[in-house]
């Protein structure tokens, strides 16, 4: 994060003047991308959260057998990973390298 200032034009009661305001800007000094596939794939599994307790193959078969023209089948991918632990390790490592400025560590998830 970096504190910056800017001047802006303000009109009050028909009179114009300039004000200086300060604000904090989020600055990305560096970015790393980490592929967690090797940590998830060999240990991952597919599970169903169907209220009737149907397995994934059973749900797929039910979808295929359904004659309704407006049928739909939705699958949602969730990765159960210790992101808090990874956050702590990355944060601590960057601090140990001597980084003393503001630091934000985040893990946007994408397929």
Foldseek 3Di string as FASTA:
>chain_A
DDKDKDKDWDADPNDIDIDIDIDDDDDDPDDDDDDCCVVAVVPDDDADPDPVRDGPVRVVVVQVPDPDPPDDDDDDDDTDDPVVVVVVVVVVVVVVVPDDDDDDDDDDDDD
